[in-house]
Amino acid sequence: MIVGCSGAGKSTLAGRLAKHTKLPVTHLDQIFWTSGWVNRPREETRRLISEVIQGDRWIFEGNHSSSFDLRIARADTVIFLDFPVPLCLFRIAKRVMTHFGRVRPDMAEGCPEGIDWEFLRWIIGYRSNLRPEILEMLDKAPPHVTVHHLTGPAAVDAFIASL
């Protein structure tokens, strides 16, 4: 399970891990969003997540704290990409320039890349809003879960190299 601020590289890391481990990747944004950037109903989202995590082996990337409980209960590893917000914003800008108007491979169909002030405010407020919730989840992680708290791209490279 990979969590972290938008722009930290969750999808990229999931792809790197999938190549190394041969595990299937599920992008939470493909479950959470429906066409036109509409949130899927919570009950349906949780049902779809439950179906994925019944598998023996998977990589699940994405935040959406409303499903932390489901995913961490079945995960054996959680990777928290705890990167500086300016780096995440830079990466988001780069992503928007690269994919503007098109649907990224890790995004739900009908959700083209663009710029949205609400999304930017969410990223800017991430350290004070969602980060504490993630840290609390990690502190309460079940004993069978290995937690990796990575604080920058070099730490991600070192983690991959250690596998």
Protein backbone atom coordinates (compact mmCIF):
# COMPACT_ATOMS: atom_id res chain seq x y z
CA MET A 1 0.00 0.00 0.00
CA ILE A 2 1.49 3.34 -1.08
CA VAL A 3 0.23 6.65 0.34
CA GLY A 4 1.45 10.23 0.19
CA CYS A 5 0.74 13.68 -1.17
CA SER A 6 -0.35 14.06 -4.78
CA GLY A 7 2.78 14.57 -6.85
CA ALA A 8 4.98 12.56 -4.49
CA GLY A 9 5.26 9.72 -7.00
CA LYS A 10 2.86 7.06 -5.71
CA SER A 11 1.91 5.85 -9.19
CA THR A 12 5.50 5.91 -10.39
CA LEU A 13 6.67 3.94 -7.37
CA ALA A 14 3.82 1.46 -7.83
CA GLY A 15 4.99 0.87 -11.39
CA ARG A 16 8.59 0.40 -10.30
CA LEU A 17 7.55 -2.05 -7.59
CA ALA A 18 5.31 -3.95 -10.01
CA LYS A 19 8.23 -4.45 -12.40
CA HIS A 20 10.39 -5.72 -9.55
CA THR A 21 7.80 -7.89 -7.77
CA LYS A 22 5.43 -8.83 -10.63
CA LEU A 23 2.51 -7.82 -8.37
CA PRO A 24 -0.61 -6.26 -9.92
CA VAL A 25 -1.18 -2.55 -9.27
CA THR A 26 -4.50 -0.94 -8.41
CA HIS A 27 -4.72 2.86 -8.62
CA LEU A 28 -7.25 4.07 -6.07
CA ASP A 29 -8.15 7.06 -8.27
CA GLN A 30 -9.54 4.62 -10.84
CA ILE A 31 -11.94 3.33 -8.20
CA PHE A 32 -12.71 6.59 -6.38
CA TRP A 33 -13.53 8.75 -9.43
CA THR A 34 -16.04 8.26 -12.22
CA SER A 35 -16.22 10.13 -15.52
CA GLY A 36 -16.26 13.91 -15.17
CA TRP A 37 -14.39 13.86 -11.84
CA VAL A 38 -17.46 12.65 -9.95
CA ASN A 39 -16.86 10.79 -6.68
CA ARG A 40 -18.16 7.25 -6.70
CA PRO A 41 -20.57 6.61 -3.78
CA ARG A 42 -18.68 5.60 -0.61
CA GLU A 43 -20.38 2.20 -0.27
CA GLU A 44 -19.57 1.26 -3.86
CA THR A 45 -15.97 2.47 -3.46
CA ARG A 46 -15.50 0.35 -0.36
CA ARG A 47 -17.05 -2.68 -2.08
CA LEU A 48 -14.69 -2.35 -5.06
CA ILE A 49 -11.67 -1.93 -2.77
CA SER A 50 -12.77 -4.98 -0.76
CA GLU A 51 -12.86 -7.03 -3.95
CA VAL A 52 -9.29 -6.02 -4.88
CA ILE A 53 -7.80 -6.67 -1.45
CA GLN A 54 -9.24 -10.17 -1.27
CA GLY A 55 -6.44 -11.16 -3.62
CA ASP A 56 -3.31 -12.62 -2.05
CA ARG A 57 -0.92 -10.21 -3.74
CA TRP A 58 -1.38 -6.60 -4.81
CA ILE A 59 0.00 -3.09 -4.78
CA PHE A 60 -2.59 -0.45 -3.94
CA GLU A 61 -1.58 3.16 -4.45
CA GLY A 62 -3.55 6.19 -3.37
CA ASN A 63 -4.83 8.04 -0.36
CA HIS A 64 -8.59 8.49 0.13
CA SER A 65 -8.47 8.01 3.88
CA SER A 66 -12.03 6.66 3.97
CA SER A 67 -10.60 3.27 2.96
CA PHE A 68 -7.38 3.20 5.03
CA ASP A 69 -8.99 0.74 7.44
CA LEU A 70 -9.83 -1.79 4.71
CA ARG A 71 -6.48 -1.61 2.96
CA ILE A 72 -4.14 -1.60 5.97
CA ALA A 73 -5.94 -4.60 7.49
CA ARG A 74 -4.94 -6.68 4.44
CA ALA A 75 -1.61 -5.04 3.61
CA ASP A 76 1.74 -6.45 4.65
CA THR A 77 3.64 -3.26 3.77
CA VAL A 78 2.80 0.44 3.77
CA ILE A 79 5.05 2.95 2.03
CA PHE A 80 4.47 6.57 3.01
CA LEU A 81 5.96 9.05 0.54
CA ASP A 82 6.34 12.04 2.86
CA PHE A 83 7.82 14.58 0.44
CA PRO A 84 8.06 18.37 0.71
CA VAL A 85 5.02 20.16 -0.68
CA PRO A 86 7.07 22.38 -3.06
CA LEU A 87 8.48 19.23 -4.71
CA CYS A 88 4.97 17.79 -5.04
CA LEU A 89 3.68 21.04 -6.55
CA PHE A 90 6.55 21.07 -9.05
CA ARG A 91 5.77 17.50 -10.04
CA ILE A 92 2.05 18.30 -10.39
CA ALA A 93 2.90 21.23 -12.69
CA LYS A 94 5.10 18.94 -14.78
CA ARG A 95 2.35 16.30 -14.88
CA VAL A 96 -0.26 18.84 -15.99
CA MET A 97 2.01 20.11 -18.77
CA THR A 98 2.69 16.55 -19.94
CA HIS A 99 -0.88 15.20 -19.80
CA PHE A 100 -3.11 18.29 -20.04
CA GLY A 101 -6.53 17.41 -21.45
CA ARG A 102 -5.78 13.68 -21.56
CA VAL A 103 -6.58 10.88 -19.13
CA ARG A 104 -3.46 9.52 -17.44
CA PRO A 105 -3.02 5.72 -17.32
CA ASP A 106 -3.46 5.76 -13.52
CA MET A 107 -6.67 7.83 -13.58
CA ALA A 108 -10.32 6.93 -14.08
CA GLU A 109 -11.72 7.07 -17.59
CA GLY A 110 -13.32 10.44 -18.34
CA CYS A 111 -11.10 12.35 -15.90
CA PRO A 112 -8.69 14.37 -18.04
CA GLU A 113 -5.68 16.07 -16.50
CA GLY A 114 -6.11 19.75 -15.79
CA ILE A 115 -5.49 22.38 -13.18
CA ASP A 116 -7.96 22.94 -10.39
CA TRP A 117 -7.57 25.50 -7.60
CA GLU A 118 -9.33 23.25 -5.08
CA PHE A 119 -6.81 20.49 -5.84
CA LEU A 120 -3.89 22.91 -5.45
CA ARG A 121 -5.29 24.11 -2.10
CA TRP A 122 -5.56 20.45 -1.02
CA ILE A 123 -1.88 19.88 -1.84
CA ILE A 124 -0.79 23.08 -0.09
CA GLY A 125 -2.80 22.07 3.00
CA TYR A 126 -1.73 18.42 2.84
CA ARG A 127 0.87 18.59 5.64
CA SER A 128 -1.65 20.04 8.09
CA ASN A 129 -4.72 18.12 6.86
CA LEU A 130 -4.12 14.56 5.60
CA ARG A 131 -0.53 13.97 6.75
CA PRO A 132 -1.50 13.79 10.47
CA GLU A 133 -4.18 11.24 9.61
CA ILE A 134 -1.65 9.12 7.71
CA LEU A 135 0.85 9.32 10.57
CA GLU A 136 -1.86 8.22 13.01
CA MET A 137 -2.80 5.31 10.73
CA LEU A 138 0.85 4.26 10.59
CA ASP A 139 1.20 4.50 14.38
CA LYS A 140 -1.81 2.19 14.73
CA ALA A 141 -0.78 -0.19 11.95
CA PRO A 142 -1.35 -3.86 12.78
CA PRO A 143 1.78 -5.71 13.95
CA HIS A 144 2.01 -7.69 10.69
CA VAL A 145 2.46 -4.47 8.64
CA THR A 146 5.94 -3.21 7.78
CA VAL A 147 6.01 0.58 7.45
CA HIS A 148 8.48 2.47 5.26
CA HIS A 149 8.43 6.25 5.80
CA LEU A 150 10.33 7.70 2.83
CA THR A 151 11.08 11.42 2.83
CA GLY A 152 12.48 12.07 -0.64
CA PRO A 153 13.42 10.66 -4.03
CA ALA A 154 16.81 9.41 -2.78
CA ALA A 155 15.06 7.41 -0.06
CA VAL A 156 12.78 5.85 -2.70
CA ASP A 157 15.80 4.89 -4.84
CA ALA A 158 17.53 3.38 -1.79
CA PHE A 159 14.37 1.45 -0.92
CA ILE A 160 14.09 0.01 -4.43
CA ALA A 161 17.79 -0.86 -4.42
CA SER A 162 17.34 -2.73 -1.12
CA LEU A 163 14.72 -5.10 -2.57
